[in-house]
Protein backbone atom coordinates (compact mmCIF):
# COMPACT_ATOMS: atom_id res chain seq x y z
CA MET A 1 14.23 11.45 -1.42
CA VAL A 2 13.44 14.07 1.22
CA ALA A 3 10.78 15.54 -1.05
CA VAL A 4 9.04 12.17 -1.00
CA MET A 5 8.23 12.61 2.67
CA ALA A 6 6.12 15.67 1.93
CA GLY A 7 3.45 13.43 0.42
CA CYS A 8 3.07 11.24 3.47
CA GLY A 9 -0.20 11.85 5.30
CA GLY A 10 -0.36 15.55 4.56
CA ASP A 11 -3.56 16.15 2.61
CA ASP A 12 -7.26 15.38 2.90
CA GLU A 13 -7.10 12.71 0.20
CA SER A 14 -4.44 10.67 2.02
CA SER A 15 -6.34 10.79 5.31
CA SER A 16 -9.46 9.46 3.59
CA LEU A 17 -7.91 6.02 3.08
CA SER A 18 -9.38 3.31 5.24
CA LYS A 19 -7.01 0.83 6.86
CA ALA A 20 -8.22 -1.89 4.45
CA GLU A 21 -7.75 0.35 1.39
CA PHE A 22 -4.28 1.37 2.54
CA THR A 23 -3.24 -2.23 3.17
CA LYS A 24 -4.51 -3.38 -0.23
CA GLU A 25 -2.95 -0.49 -2.16
CA ALA A 26 0.37 -0.52 -0.30
CA ASP A 27 0.80 -4.27 -0.71
CA ALA A 28 -0.01 -3.95 -4.43
CA ILE A 29 2.69 -1.27 -4.77
CA CYS A 30 5.26 -3.42 -2.98
CA ALA A 31 4.37 -6.59 -4.89
CA ARG A 32 4.56 -4.78 -8.24
CA GLN A 33 7.94 -3.20 -7.48
CA GLU A 34 9.34 -6.45 -6.04
CA GLU A 35 8.39 -8.22 -9.26
CA LYS A 36 10.03 -5.45 -11.30
CA LYS A 37 13.17 -5.67 -9.15
CA ASN A 38 13.41 -9.43 -9.72
CA LYS A 39 12.99 -9.02 -13.50
CA ASP A 40 15.56 -6.22 -13.56
CA LEU A 41 18.03 -8.30 -11.57
CA ILE A 42 17.69 -11.26 -13.92
CA ALA A 43 18.14 -9.02 -16.97
CA ALA A 44 21.17 -7.29 -15.44
CA TYR A 45 22.72 -10.62 -14.44
CA LYS A 46 22.38 -11.89 -18.02
CA LYS A 47 23.67 -8.62 -19.48
CA TYR A 48 26.67 -8.47 -17.17
CA GLY A 49 27.46 -12.12 -17.86
CA GLU A 50 27.34 -11.58 -21.62
CA GLU A 51 29.57 -8.52 -21.30
CA GLY A 52 31.97 -10.34 -19.01
CA ARG A 53 31.60 -7.64 -16.37
CA LYS A 54 33.10 -8.62 -13.04
CA GLY A 55 34.51 -7.06 -9.93
CA LYS A 56 33.38 -4.43 -7.50
CA LYS A 57 32.43 -1.89 -10.15
CA ALA A 58 30.10 -4.40 -11.77
CA GLN A 59 28.62 -5.27 -8.35
CA ALA A 60 28.00 -1.60 -7.60
CA ASP A 61 26.42 -1.05 -11.02
CA PHE A 62 24.26 -4.15 -10.57
CA ILE A 63 22.90 -2.83 -7.27
CA LEU A 64 22.48 0.78 -8.40
CA GLU A 65 21.02 0.03 -11.84
CA ALA A 66 18.87 -3.04 -11.19
CA ALA A 67 18.09 -3.61 -7.51
CA LEU A 68 17.71 -0.12 -6.09
CA PRO A 69 15.47 1.74 -8.59
CA PRO A 70 12.35 -0.38 -7.96
CA ILE A 71 12.82 0.00 -4.20
CA ALA A 72 13.16 3.76 -4.59
CA GLN A 73 10.04 3.86 -6.80
CA MET A 74 8.15 1.77 -4.27
CA THR A 75 9.16 4.14 -1.49
CA GLU A 76 7.97 7.14 -3.46
CA GLU A 77 4.64 5.50 -4.26
CA LEU A 78 4.13 4.52 -0.61
CA ALA A 79 4.84 8.09 0.50
CA ASP A 80 2.38 9.43 -2.07
CA LEU A 81 -0.27 6.93 -0.99
CA GLY A 82 -0.69 8.53 2.41
CA ALA A 83 -1.86 6.76 5.52
CA PRO A 84 -5.07 5.75 7.23
CA SER A 85 -6.17 7.81 10.20
CA GLY A 86 -4.17 6.95 13.30
CA GLU A 87 -1.34 5.28 11.37
CA GLU A 88 0.32 8.39 9.95
CA ASP A 89 3.36 8.26 12.25
CA LYS A 90 3.99 4.58 11.59
CA VAL A 91 3.66 4.96 7.81
CA GLU A 92 5.95 8.00 7.86
CA ALA A 93 8.50 6.09 9.95
CA MET A 94 8.40 3.16 7.49
CA VAL A 95 8.93 5.47 4.51
CA GLN A 96 11.74 7.25 6.33
CA ALA A 97 13.43 3.92 7.17
CA LEU A 98 13.24 2.94 3.50
CA GLU A 99 14.67 6.29 2.41
CA GLU A 100 17.53 6.05 4.90
CA GLU A 101 18.55 2.59 3.75
CA ILE A 102 18.29 3.59 0.09
CA GLN A 103 20.66 6.46 0.84
CA ASN A 104 23.02 4.07 2.65
CA ILE A 105 23.08 1.79 -0.39
CA GLU A 106 23.63 4.70 -2.78
CA ASP A 107 26.56 5.81 -0.61
CA ASP A 108 28.08 2.31 -0.39
CA PRO A 109 26.59 -0.14 -2.93
CA ILE A 110 29.39 -2.66 -2.33
CA GLY A 111 28.36 -2.71 1.32
CA THR A 112 25.33 -4.79 0.34
CA ALA A 113 27.63 -7.73 -0.45
CA THR A 114 29.20 -7.55 3.00
CA GLY A 115 25.97 -6.87 4.87
CA LYS A 116 27.22 -3.43 5.87
CA VAL A 117 24.19 -1.80 4.17
CA GLY A 118 21.00 -3.03 2.58
CA ASP A 119 19.32 -4.05 5.81
CA PHE A 120 15.68 -3.06 5.53
CA ASP A 121 14.81 -4.66 8.88
CA LYS A 122 13.42 -1.47 10.44
CA ALA A 123 11.16 -0.80 7.45
CA ASN A 124 10.14 -4.47 7.30
CA LYS A 125 9.23 -4.45 11.01
CA LEU A 126 7.07 -1.36 10.60
CA ALA A 127 5.41 -2.87 7.52
CA LYS A 128 4.56 -5.99 9.55
CA GLU A 129 3.05 -3.79 12.27
CA LEU A 130 0.89 -2.21 9.54
CA ASN A 131 -0.13 -5.71 8.32
CA LEU A 132 1.61 -5.18 4.98
CA LYS A 133 2.70 -8.61 3.82
CA ALA A 134 4.36 -7.72 0.50
CA CYS A 135 6.03 -4.65 2.02
CA SER A 136 7.55 -6.52 4.93
CA GLN A 137 9.94 -8.65 2.88
CA ILE A 138 12.26 -6.12 1.29
């Protein structure tokens, strides 16, 4: 995920985004990936039920195979989008907060069930400050 940060606000194309364009494009990214995550979760739930998969291993697989990939893809797309002028630091901080929590979940997927990991509050707060509605509800 560290390589993802390289795309955040670093080239002329990313700095050419207006605030309105950034907001529209970022929210579209988040909405699309949230919809994918929900579909993937439903499919995984059905699959695991049919297979009779239970226990902590199934929970970890459920998180790592269905819930996390769309969030990771969203994070990458947001980093590649860039940031409007004056918002580079905030966008970079939001992407970094997402990356850190993704790493926490990868390290301890079962921790999402206990609330130990999976808290995207920092990223959600930054998204709200950037007026990103779809991105502030991860």
